[in-house]
Amino acid sequence: MNRYFYIDAEGKQKGTYTPMELREEGVKRDTLVWAQGMEQWQRAEEVDELSFLFSDTYYPPQPEPPHPTWPQSSQSYAPGQEPRVQPSMPKTWLVESILVTILPFFLCGSFLSLLGIIGIVYAAQVESFYNRGDYQASVESSRSAGKWTRAALWIAIAWVVLIIIVFIALFALFGFSLSEMNDLIDI
């Protein structure tokens, strides 16, 4: 529905008004009106959208149902083009990336924690991009956070498994028992 300017009886420009508000303003058939998209001012009776103002049977225009909107970053839509409904926020991976940063630090040392920190950085960006309306960047940050978090997790698991295999191999190859290991440590 367009919003119109009109020229009142004193020659002053007033506006903007919806067609229903123009009816309340007492616009006459010969009142000059203009809306965005019109090339020039026209008499109100010449505008199709305003023809109901001058007919005996009046049916108020039905309001359009509200459209869900999404905060726009720098993207604008042409008149008549509907904004896309934005899907829900992608997974942030923040909790997982924090866990794979802390746990390997206790198990393996600080080297593997660096991979988790990279995951935390990307995870922190997911919500920030989403709230700014940049959904594509939010999805990319989520993918990167997931990639780095999974990499840190699998490397930590592999590191723990490798340590277990080394201890088992030492026990098998050298025949150490736990009691002999205690004796070795006590010496």
N, C-alpha and C. Protein backbone atom coordinates (compact mmCIF):
# COMPACT_ATOMS: atom_id res chain seq x y z
N MET A 1 0.84 -1.16 0.00
CA MET A 1 0.00 0.00 0.00
C MET A 1 0.90 1.23 0.00
N ASN A 2 0.63 2.14 -0.94
CA ASN A 2 1.42 3.36 -1.07
C ASN A 2 1.05 4.37 0.00
N ARG A 3 1.97 5.27 0.25
CA ARG A 3 1.72 6.42 1.13
C ARG A 3 1.78 7.65 0.23
N TYR A 4 0.80 8.55 0.41
CA TYR A 4 0.62 9.67 -0.51
C TYR A 4 0.85 11.02 0.16
N PHE A 5 1.33 11.96 -0.65
CA PHE A 5 1.35 13.37 -0.33
C PHE A 5 0.13 13.97 -1.03
N TYR A 6 -0.39 15.07 -0.50
CA TYR A 6 -1.44 15.78 -1.22
C TYR A 6 -1.29 17.28 -1.01
N ILE A 7 -1.91 18.04 -1.89
CA ILE A 7 -1.91 19.50 -1.80
C ILE A 7 -3.27 19.92 -1.23
N ASP A 8 -3.24 20.59 -0.07
CA ASP A 8 -4.51 20.97 0.57
C ASP A 8 -5.10 22.21 -0.10
N ALA A 9 -6.24 22.68 0.41
CA ALA A 9 -6.97 23.80 -0.19
C ALA A 9 -6.17 25.10 -0.14
N GLU A 10 -5.21 25.20 0.78
CA GLU A 10 -4.39 26.40 0.88
C GLU A 10 -3.13 26.31 0.02
N GLY A 11 -2.94 25.19 -0.68
CA GLY A 11 -1.79 25.02 -1.56
C GLY A 11 -0.56 24.47 -0.86
N LYS A 12 -0.73 23.97 0.37
CA LYS A 12 0.40 23.42 1.12
C LYS A 12 0.46 21.90 0.93
N GLN A 13 1.69 21.43 0.82
CA GLN A 13 1.91 19.99 0.66
C GLN A 13 1.82 19.32 2.03
N LYS A 14 1.08 18.22 2.11
CA LYS A 14 0.96 17.46 3.34
C LYS A 14 1.22 15.99 3.02
N GLY A 15 1.71 15.27 4.00
CA GLY A 15 1.90 13.85 3.77
C GLY A 15 2.97 13.28 4.67
N THR A 16 3.07 12.08 4.73
CA THR A 16 2.51 11.03 3.89
C THR A 16 1.33 10.38 4.60
N TYR A 17 0.39 9.91 3.79
CA TYR A 17 -0.84 9.30 4.30
C TYR A 17 -1.15 8.03 3.54
N THR A 18 -1.75 7.08 4.25
CA THR A 18 -2.27 5.89 3.59
C THR A 18 -3.58 6.29 2.91
N PRO A 19 -4.10 5.49 1.98
CA PRO A 19 -5.39 5.83 1.37
C PRO A 19 -6.50 6.01 2.41
N MET A 20 -6.49 5.21 3.44
CA MET A 20 -7.51 5.33 4.49
C MET A 20 -7.38 6.66 5.23
N GLU A 21 -6.15 7.08 5.49
CA GLU A 21 -5.92 8.36 6.16
C GLU A 21 -6.31 9.53 5.24
N LEU A 22 -6.13 9.36 3.93
CA LEU A 22 -6.55 10.40 2.99
C LEU A 22 -8.06 10.60 3.06
N ARG A 23 -8.80 9.54 3.25
CA ARG A 23 -10.25 9.63 3.39
C ARG A 23 -10.61 10.48 4.60
N GLU A 24 -9.88 10.26 5.70
CA GLU A 24 -10.12 11.03 6.93
C GLU A 24 -9.70 12.49 6.76
N GLU A 25 -8.74 12.76 5.89
CA GLU A 25 -8.28 14.13 5.63
C GLU A 25 -9.27 14.90 4.75
N GLY A 26 -10.23 14.19 4.17
CA GLY A 26 -11.23 14.86 3.33
C GLY A 26 -10.74 15.19 1.94
N VAL A 27 -9.92 14.32 1.37
CA VAL A 27 -9.40 14.54 0.02
C VAL A 27 -10.56 14.48 -0.98
N LYS A 28 -10.60 15.44 -1.90
CA LYS A 28 -11.64 15.52 -2.93
C LYS A 28 -11.13 14.90 -4.23
N ARG A 29 -12.03 14.76 -5.18
CA ARG A 29 -11.68 14.16 -6.48
C ARG A 29 -10.57 14.94 -7.19
N ASP A 30 -10.61 16.26 -7.10
CA ASP A 30 -9.64 17.08 -7.84
C ASP A 30 -8.40 17.43 -7.02
N THR A 31 -8.26 16.87 -5.82
CA THR A 31 -7.07 17.10 -5.00
C THR A 31 -5.87 16.44 -5.67
N LEU A 32 -4.76 17.17 -5.74
CA LEU A 32 -3.55 16.61 -6.34
C LEU A 32 -2.85 15.72 -5.32
N VAL A 33 -2.49 14.52 -5.77
CA VAL A 33 -1.79 13.56 -4.91
C VAL A 33 -0.55 13.05 -5.63
N TRP A 34 0.40 12.58 -4.82
CA TRP A 34 1.62 12.00 -5.38
C TRP A 34 2.14 10.96 -4.41
N ALA A 35 2.68 9.85 -4.97
CA ALA A 35 3.32 8.80 -4.18
C ALA A 35 4.59 8.39 -4.89
N GLN A 36 5.47 7.76 -4.15
CA GLN A 36 6.72 7.30 -4.74
C GLN A 36 6.41 6.36 -5.89
N GLY A 37 7.06 6.55 -7.01
CA GLY A 37 6.84 5.74 -8.19
C GLY A 37 5.97 6.45 -9.23
N MET A 38 5.27 7.49 -8.81
CA MET A 38 4.45 8.26 -9.76
C MET A 38 5.35 9.30 -10.43
N GLU A 39 5.14 9.51 -11.71
CA GLU A 39 5.97 10.47 -12.44
C GLU A 39 5.63 11.91 -12.08
N GLN A 40 4.36 12.20 -11.84
CA GLN A 40 3.94 13.56 -11.54
C GLN A 40 2.71 13.54 -10.65
N TRP A 41 2.33 14.72 -10.16
CA TRP A 41 1.14 14.85 -9.34
C TRP A 41 -0.08 14.54 -10.21
N GLN A 42 -1.06 13.85 -9.63
CA GLN A 42 -2.29 13.52 -10.36
C GLN A 42 -3.49 13.84 -9.48
N ARG A 43 -4.62 14.01 -10.15
CA ARG A 43 -5.85 14.19 -9.39
C ARG A 43 -6.18 12.87 -8.70
N ALA A 44 -6.72 12.94 -7.51
CA ALA A 44 -6.99 11.75 -6.69
C ALA A 44 -7.90 10.76 -7.42
N GLU A 45 -8.89 11.26 -8.17
CA GLU A 45 -9.80 10.35 -8.85
C GLU A 45 -9.11 9.57 -9.98
N GLU A 46 -7.95 10.02 -10.46
CA GLU A 46 -7.23 9.35 -11.53
C GLU A 46 -6.34 8.21 -11.01
N VAL A 47 -6.16 8.12 -9.70
CA VAL A 47 -5.30 7.09 -9.11
C VAL A 47 -6.18 5.91 -8.74
N ASP A 48 -5.89 4.74 -9.34
CA ASP A 48 -6.72 3.55 -9.13
C ASP A 48 -6.84 3.16 -7.66
N GLU A 49 -5.75 3.25 -6.93
CA GLU A 49 -5.76 2.83 -5.53
C GLU A 49 -6.67 3.72 -4.67
N LEU A 50 -6.94 4.94 -5.16
CA LEU A 50 -7.76 5.88 -4.39
C LEU A 50 -9.20 5.96 -4.88
N SER A 51 -9.56 5.17 -5.87
CA SER A 51 -10.91 5.25 -6.44
C SER A 51 -11.99 4.93 -5.40
N PHE A 52 -11.68 4.13 -4.42
CA PHE A 52 -12.67 3.77 -3.40
C PHE A 52 -13.10 4.99 -2.58
N LEU A 53 -12.26 6.04 -2.55
CA LEU A 53 -12.59 7.23 -1.78
C LEU A 53 -13.83 7.94 -2.33
N PHE A 54 -14.12 7.74 -3.59
CA PHE A 54 -15.19 8.49 -4.24
C PHE A 54 -16.35 7.61 -4.66
N SER A 55 -16.39 6.37 -4.23
CA SER A 55 -17.50 5.49 -4.57
C SER A 55 -18.45 5.42 -3.38
N ASP A 56 -19.69 5.06 -3.67
CA ASP A 56 -20.69 4.97 -2.61
C ASP A 56 -20.50 3.74 -1.75
N THR A 57 -20.05 2.66 -2.36
CA THR A 57 -19.80 1.43 -1.59
C THR A 57 -18.33 1.39 -1.24
N TYR A 58 -18.09 1.35 0.03
CA TYR A 58 -16.70 1.39 0.49
C TYR A 58 -16.34 0.06 1.13
N TYR A 59 -15.27 -0.54 0.63
CA TYR A 59 -14.69 -1.73 1.24
C TYR A 59 -13.27 -1.39 1.64
N PRO A 60 -13.00 -1.31 2.93
CA PRO A 60 -11.64 -0.93 3.32
C PRO A 60 -10.64 -1.95 2.83
N PRO A 61 -9.48 -1.49 2.40
CA PRO A 61 -8.46 -2.44 1.95
C PRO A 61 -8.03 -3.33 3.10
N GLN A 62 -7.85 -4.60 2.79
CA GLN A 62 -7.43 -5.56 3.81
C GLN A 62 -5.95 -5.38 4.10
N PRO A 63 -5.60 -5.29 5.38
CA PRO A 63 -4.17 -5.15 5.69
C PRO A 63 -3.43 -6.43 5.36
N GLU A 64 -2.21 -6.26 4.91
CA GLU A 64 -1.39 -7.43 4.61
C GLU A 64 -0.95 -8.07 5.91
N PRO A 65 -0.87 -9.40 5.94
CA PRO A 65 -0.39 -10.04 7.17
C PRO A 65 1.05 -9.64 7.42
N PRO A 66 1.43 -9.55 8.69
CA PRO A 66 2.83 -9.16 8.97
C PRO A 66 3.79 -10.21 8.45
N HIS A 67 4.88 -9.74 7.91
CA HIS A 67 5.92 -10.63 7.40
C HIS A 67 7.04 -10.72 8.41
N PRO A 68 7.52 -11.93 8.69
CA PRO A 68 8.67 -12.01 9.59
C PRO A 68 9.86 -11.31 8.96
N THR A 69 10.56 -10.57 9.76
CA THR A 69 11.72 -9.86 9.24
C THR A 69 12.96 -10.31 9.96
N TRP A 70 14.05 -9.97 9.39
CA TRP A 70 15.37 -10.30 9.94
C TRP A 70 16.21 -9.06 9.86
N PRO A 71 16.99 -8.76 10.89
CA PRO A 71 17.82 -7.56 10.80
C PRO A 71 18.71 -7.62 9.58
N GLN A 72 18.69 -6.60 8.79
CA GLN A 72 19.46 -6.58 7.56
C GLN A 72 20.83 -6.00 7.83
N SER A 73 21.84 -6.56 7.22
CA SER A 73 23.18 -5.97 7.37
C SER A 73 23.24 -4.74 6.47
N SER A 74 23.70 -4.88 5.29
CA SER A 74 23.75 -3.74 4.39
C SER A 74 22.89 -4.02 3.16
N GLN A 75 22.11 -5.07 3.21
CA GLN A 75 21.34 -5.47 2.05
C GLN A 75 19.98 -4.78 2.09
N SER A 76 19.55 -4.21 0.97
CA SER A 76 18.24 -3.60 0.91
C SER A 76 17.43 -4.30 -0.17
N TYR A 77 16.13 -4.23 -0.03
CA TYR A 77 15.24 -4.90 -0.96
C TYR A 77 14.46 -3.87 -1.76
N ALA A 78 14.22 -4.20 -2.99
CA ALA A 78 13.43 -3.33 -3.85
C ALA A 78 11.98 -3.36 -3.36
N PRO A 79 11.21 -2.30 -3.64
CA PRO A 79 9.80 -2.32 -3.24
C PRO A 79 9.09 -3.52 -3.85
N GLY A 80 8.30 -4.17 -3.04
CA GLY A 80 7.58 -5.35 -3.50
C GLY A 80 8.35 -6.64 -3.34
N GLN A 81 9.62 -6.56 -3.11
CA GLN A 81 10.42 -7.77 -2.91
C GLN A 81 10.43 -8.09 -1.42
N GLU A 82 10.09 -9.32 -1.10
CA GLU A 82 10.00 -9.74 0.29
C GLU A 82 11.37 -10.08 0.84
N PRO A 83 11.66 -9.67 2.09
CA PRO A 83 12.90 -10.11 2.71
C PRO A 83 12.81 -11.59 3.04
N ARG A 84 13.93 -12.27 2.97
CA ARG A 84 13.94 -13.70 3.28
C ARG A 84 13.85 -13.88 4.78
N VAL A 85 13.16 -14.93 5.18
CA VAL A 85 13.11 -15.27 6.60
C VAL A 85 14.40 -15.98 6.93
N GLN A 86 15.09 -15.50 7.93
CA GLN A 86 16.39 -16.03 8.29
C GLN A 86 16.23 -17.28 9.15
N PRO A 87 16.95 -18.35 8.85
CA PRO A 87 16.88 -19.55 9.67
C PRO A 87 17.51 -19.33 11.04
N SER A 88 17.36 -20.32 11.89
CA SER A 88 17.90 -20.21 13.24
C SER A 88 19.43 -20.18 13.21
N MET A 89 19.99 -19.75 14.33
CA MET A 89 21.44 -19.59 14.43
C MET A 89 22.14 -20.95 14.33
N PRO A 90 23.23 -21.03 13.57
CA PRO A 90 23.99 -22.28 13.48
C PRO A 90 24.63 -22.62 14.82
N LYS A 91 25.04 -23.87 14.96
CA LYS A 91 25.69 -24.32 16.19
C LYS A 91 26.97 -23.51 16.41
N THR A 92 27.19 -23.10 17.67
CA THR A 92 28.35 -22.26 17.96
C THR A 92 29.61 -23.07 18.25
N TRP A 93 29.50 -24.24 18.79
CA TRP A 93 30.64 -25.09 19.15
C TRP A 93 31.45 -24.50 20.30
N LEU A 94 30.93 -23.53 21.02
CA LEU A 94 31.71 -22.85 22.05
C LEU A 94 32.04 -23.79 23.22
N VAL A 95 31.05 -24.49 23.73
CA VAL A 95 31.30 -25.39 24.88
C VAL A 95 32.28 -26.49 24.49
N GLU A 96 32.07 -27.07 23.33
CA GLU A 96 32.95 -28.15 22.88
C GLU A 96 34.38 -27.67 22.69
N SER A 97 34.53 -26.49 22.09
CA SER A 97 35.88 -25.99 21.85
C SER A 97 36.59 -25.63 23.16
N ILE A 98 35.84 -25.16 24.15
CA ILE A 98 36.45 -24.89 25.46
C ILE A 98 36.90 -26.19 26.10
N LEU A 99 36.07 -27.23 26.00
CA LEU A 99 36.44 -28.53 26.59
C LEU A 99 37.68 -29.12 25.92
N VAL A 100 37.75 -29.07 24.59
CA VAL A 100 38.92 -29.64 23.93
C VAL A 100 40.15 -28.75 24.08
N THR A 101 39.97 -27.56 24.61
CA THR A 101 41.12 -26.72 24.94
C THR A 101 41.65 -27.06 26.33
N ILE A 102 40.74 -27.28 27.26
CA ILE A 102 41.14 -27.54 28.65
C ILE A 102 41.61 -28.98 28.85
N LEU A 103 40.87 -29.96 28.36
CA LEU A 103 41.21 -31.36 28.62
C LEU A 103 42.56 -31.79 28.05
N PRO A 104 42.89 -31.47 26.81
CA PRO A 104 44.22 -31.86 26.33
C PRO A 104 45.35 -31.19 27.11
N PHE A 105 45.09 -30.02 27.64
CA PHE A 105 46.11 -29.34 28.43
C PHE A 105 46.49 -30.18 29.64
N PHE A 106 45.51 -30.79 30.28
CA PHE A 106 45.79 -31.64 31.44
C PHE A 106 46.38 -32.98 31.03
N LEU A 107 45.97 -33.49 29.86
CA LEU A 107 46.42 -34.82 29.45
C LEU A 107 47.74 -34.81 28.68
N CYS A 108 47.90 -33.85 27.81
CA CYS A 108 49.01 -33.94 26.86
C CYS A 108 49.94 -32.74 26.86
N GLY A 109 49.58 -31.67 27.44
CA GLY A 109 50.41 -30.48 27.38
C GLY A 109 49.72 -29.38 26.60
N SER A 110 50.37 -28.28 26.47
CA SER A 110 49.73 -27.09 25.91
C SER A 110 49.67 -27.06 24.39
N PHE A 111 50.43 -27.91 23.71
CA PHE A 111 50.45 -27.88 22.25
C PHE A 111 49.05 -28.09 21.66
N LEU A 112 48.33 -29.11 22.12
CA LEU A 112 47.01 -29.40 21.56
C LEU A 112 45.97 -28.37 21.98
N SER A 113 46.22 -27.64 23.05
CA SER A 113 45.29 -26.60 23.47
C SER A 113 45.23 -25.46 22.46
N LEU A 114 46.29 -25.27 21.70
CA LEU A 114 46.29 -24.22 20.70
C LEU A 114 45.22 -24.45 19.63
N LEU A 115 45.02 -25.71 19.26
CA LEU A 115 43.98 -26.02 18.28
C LEU A 115 42.61 -25.69 18.83
N GLY A 116 42.40 -25.97 20.12
CA GLY A 116 41.13 -25.64 20.75
C GLY A 116 40.89 -24.14 20.82
N ILE A 117 41.96 -23.38 21.01
CA ILE A 117 41.83 -21.92 21.07
C ILE A 117 41.36 -21.37 19.71
N ILE A 118 41.87 -21.95 18.64
CA ILE A 118 41.42 -21.54 17.31
C ILE A 118 39.92 -21.81 17.18
N GLY A 119 39.49 -22.97 17.69
CA GLY A 119 38.06 -23.30 17.68
C GLY A 119 37.24 -22.31 18.49
N ILE A 120 37.76 -21.87 19.62
CA ILE A 120 37.05 -20.89 20.46
C ILE A 120 36.88 -19.57 19.72
N VAL A 121 37.92 -19.14 19.02
CA VAL A 121 37.84 -17.88 18.28
C VAL A 121 36.73 -17.94 17.24
N TYR A 122 36.69 -19.01 16.45
CA TYR A 122 35.63 -19.14 15.45
C TYR A 122 34.26 -19.29 16.10
N ALA A 123 34.19 -20.03 17.21
CA ALA A 123 32.91 -20.24 17.90
C ALA A 123 32.35 -18.92 18.42
N ALA A 124 33.21 -18.04 18.88
CA ALA A 124 32.76 -16.75 19.39
C ALA A 124 32.21 -15.86 18.27
N GLN A 125 32.66 -16.08 17.06
CA GLN A 125 32.21 -15.26 15.94
C GLN A 125 30.83 -15.64 15.43
N VAL A 126 30.40 -16.87 15.69
CA VAL A 126 29.12 -17.36 15.14
C VAL A 126 27.97 -16.46 15.58
N GLU A 127 27.81 -16.28 16.87
CA GLU A 127 26.68 -15.48 17.37
C GLU A 127 26.81 -14.01 16.96
N SER A 128 28.03 -13.51 16.94
CA SER A 128 28.24 -12.12 16.56
C SER A 128 27.78 -11.86 15.13
N PHE A 129 28.20 -12.71 14.20
CA PHE A 129 27.78 -12.57 12.81
C PHE A 129 26.27 -12.73 12.68
N TYR A 130 25.71 -13.70 13.39
CA TYR A 130 24.27 -13.96 13.31
C TYR A 130 23.48 -12.74 13.78
N ASN A 131 23.89 -12.15 14.89
CA ASN A 131 23.17 -10.99 15.42
C ASN A 131 23.29 -9.76 14.53
N ARG A 132 24.35 -9.67 13.75
CA ARG A 132 24.50 -8.56 12.80
C ARG A 132 23.71 -8.80 11.52
N GLY A 133 23.17 -10.00 11.37
CA GLY A 133 22.39 -10.31 10.17
C GLY A 133 23.19 -10.93 9.06
N ASP A 134 24.45 -11.23 9.30
CA ASP A 134 25.30 -11.84 8.27
C ASP A 134 25.27 -13.35 8.47
N TYR A 135 24.19 -13.97 7.98
CA TYR A 135 23.97 -15.38 8.22
C TYR A 135 25.03 -16.25 7.55
N GLN A 136 25.45 -15.90 6.35
CA GLN A 136 26.45 -16.71 5.64
C GLN A 136 27.77 -16.74 6.40
N ALA A 137 28.20 -15.60 6.91
CA ALA A 137 29.44 -15.57 7.70
C ALA A 137 29.28 -16.36 8.99
N SER A 138 28.08 -16.34 9.55
CA SER A 138 27.81 -17.12 10.76
C SER A 138 27.94 -18.61 10.49
N VAL A 139 27.43 -19.05 9.36
CA VAL A 139 27.53 -20.47 8.98
C VAL A 139 29.00 -20.86 8.75
N GLU A 140 29.74 -19.99 8.08
CA GLU A 140 31.16 -20.28 7.83
C GLU A 140 31.95 -20.35 9.14
N SER A 141 31.68 -19.46 10.07
CA SER A 141 32.36 -19.51 11.37
C SER A 141 32.00 -20.77 12.12
N SER A 142 30.74 -21.19 12.03
CA SER A 142 30.32 -22.42 12.68
C SER A 142 31.04 -23.63 12.10
N ARG A 143 31.16 -23.66 10.78
CA ARG A 143 31.89 -24.77 10.13
C ARG A 143 33.35 -24.79 10.56
N SER A 144 33.98 -23.63 10.59
CA SER A 144 35.39 -23.57 10.99
C SER A 144 35.57 -23.96 12.45
N ALA A 145 34.67 -23.48 13.31
CA ALA A 145 34.74 -23.83 14.73
C ALA A 145 34.59 -25.34 14.91
N GLY A 146 33.64 -25.93 14.19
CA GLY A 146 33.45 -27.37 14.27
C GLY A 146 34.66 -28.14 13.77
N LYS A 147 35.25 -27.66 12.68
CA LYS A 147 36.43 -28.32 12.10
C LYS A 147 37.59 -28.32 13.09
N TRP A 148 37.91 -27.15 13.66
CA TRP A 148 39.03 -27.06 14.58
C TRP A 148 38.75 -27.80 15.89
N THR A 149 37.52 -27.77 16.35
CA THR A 149 37.17 -28.47 17.59
C THR A 149 37.30 -29.98 17.40
N ARG A 150 36.78 -30.49 16.29
CA ARG A 150 36.89 -31.93 16.02
C ARG A 150 38.34 -32.34 15.82
N ALA A 151 39.12 -31.50 15.14
CA ALA A 151 40.54 -31.82 14.93
C ALA A 151 41.26 -31.92 16.27
N ALA A 152 41.03 -30.96 17.16
CA ALA A 152 41.67 -30.99 18.47
C ALA A 152 41.23 -32.21 19.27
N LEU A 153 39.94 -32.54 19.19
CA LEU A 153 39.43 -33.71 19.92
C LEU A 153 40.07 -34.99 19.42
N TRP A 154 40.12 -35.19 18.10
CA TRP A 154 40.66 -36.44 17.56
C TRP A 154 42.18 -36.54 17.79
N ILE A 155 42.86 -35.44 17.72
CA ILE A 155 44.30 -35.48 18.00
C ILE A 155 44.55 -35.81 19.46
N ALA A 156 43.72 -35.24 20.37
CA ALA A 156 43.86 -35.56 21.80
C ALA A 156 43.57 -37.03 22.06
N ILE A 157 42.53 -37.55 21.42
CA ILE A 157 42.20 -38.97 21.59
C ILE A 157 43.34 -39.83 21.06
N ALA A 158 43.85 -39.47 19.89
CA ALA A 158 44.97 -40.23 19.32
C ALA A 158 46.19 -40.17 20.23
N TRP A 159 46.45 -39.03 20.83
CA TRP A 159 47.58 -38.86 21.73
C TRP A 159 47.43 -39.76 22.96
N VAL A 160 46.25 -39.79 23.55
CA VAL A 160 46.00 -40.63 24.73
C VAL A 160 46.12 -42.11 24.35
N VAL A 161 45.56 -42.49 23.20
CA VAL A 161 45.65 -43.88 22.75
C VAL A 161 47.12 -44.25 22.51
N LEU A 162 47.88 -43.35 21.93
CA LEU A 162 49.30 -43.60 21.68
C LEU A 162 50.07 -43.81 22.99
N ILE A 163 49.77 -42.99 23.99
CA ILE A 163 50.42 -43.16 25.29
C ILE A 163 50.07 -44.51 25.90
N ILE A 164 48.81 -44.91 25.81
CA ILE A 164 48.38 -46.21 26.34
C ILE A 164 49.08 -47.34 25.60
N ILE A 165 49.17 -47.23 24.27
CA ILE A 165 49.84 -48.27 23.48
C ILE A 165 51.32 -48.37 23.86
N VAL A 166 51.96 -47.23 24.07
CA VAL A 166 53.38 -47.23 24.46
C VAL A 166 53.56 -47.93 25.81
N PHE A 167 52.71 -47.63 26.79
CA PHE A 167 52.81 -48.30 28.09
C PHE A 167 52.56 -49.80 27.98
N ILE A 168 51.56 -50.17 27.18
CA ILE A 168 51.28 -51.60 26.99
C ILE A 168 52.46 -52.28 26.31
N ALA A 169 53.04 -51.62 25.31
CA ALA A 169 54.20 -52.20 24.61
C ALA A 169 55.39 -52.34 25.55
N LEU A 170 55.61 -51.35 26.39
CA LEU A 170 56.71 -51.44 27.35
C LEU A 170 56.51 -52.60 28.32
N PHE A 171 55.29 -52.75 28.80
CA PHE A 171 55.01 -53.85 29.71
C PHE A 171 55.16 -55.19 29.00
N ALA A 172 54.70 -55.27 27.75
CA ALA A 172 54.77 -56.53 27.02
C ALA A 172 56.21 -56.87 26.63
N LEU A 173 56.95 -55.88 26.13
CA LEU A 173 58.30 -56.14 25.66
C LEU A 173 59.28 -56.41 26.80
N PHE A 174 59.18 -55.64 27.83
CA PHE A 174 60.15 -55.76 28.90
C PHE A 174 59.65 -56.59 30.06
N GLY A 175 58.40 -57.01 30.02
CA GLY A 175 57.86 -57.89 31.03
C GLY A 175 57.74 -57.25 32.40
N PHE A 176 57.62 -55.95 32.44
CA PHE A 176 57.47 -55.28 33.72
C PHE A 176 56.09 -55.57 34.28
N SER A 177 56.06 -55.81 35.55
CA SER A 177 54.78 -55.90 36.25
C SER A 177 54.66 -54.63 37.09
N LEU A 178 53.52 -54.41 37.65
CA LEU A 178 53.32 -53.21 38.44
C LEU A 178 54.19 -53.22 39.69
N SER A 179 54.39 -54.38 40.27
CA SER A 179 55.23 -54.42 41.48
C SER A 179 56.68 -54.12 41.12
N GLU A 180 57.15 -54.62 39.97
CA GLU A 180 58.52 -54.32 39.55
C GLU A 180 58.66 -52.84 39.20
N MET A 181 57.60 -52.25 38.65
CA MET A 181 57.61 -50.83 38.31
C MET A 181 57.72 -50.01 39.59
N ASN A 182 57.03 -50.42 40.66
CA ASN A 182 57.12 -49.72 41.94
C ASN A 182 58.54 -49.82 42.50
N ASP A 183 59.13 -50.98 42.38
CA ASP A 183 60.50 -51.17 42.86
C ASP A 183 61.46 -50.28 42.07
N LEU A 184 61.24 -50.17 40.77
CA LEU A 184 62.09 -49.32 39.95
C LEU A 184 61.97 -47.86 40.34
N ILE A 185 60.76 -47.45 40.62
CA ILE A 185 60.53 -46.04 40.97
C ILE A 185 61.12 -45.73 42.34
N ASP A 186 61.07 -46.68 43.29
CA ASP A 186 61.55 -46.44 44.63
C ASP A 186 63.08 -46.33 44.69
N ILE A 187 63.76 -46.88 43.73
CA ILE A 187 65.22 -46.88 43.77
C ILE A 187 65.78 -45.53 43.53
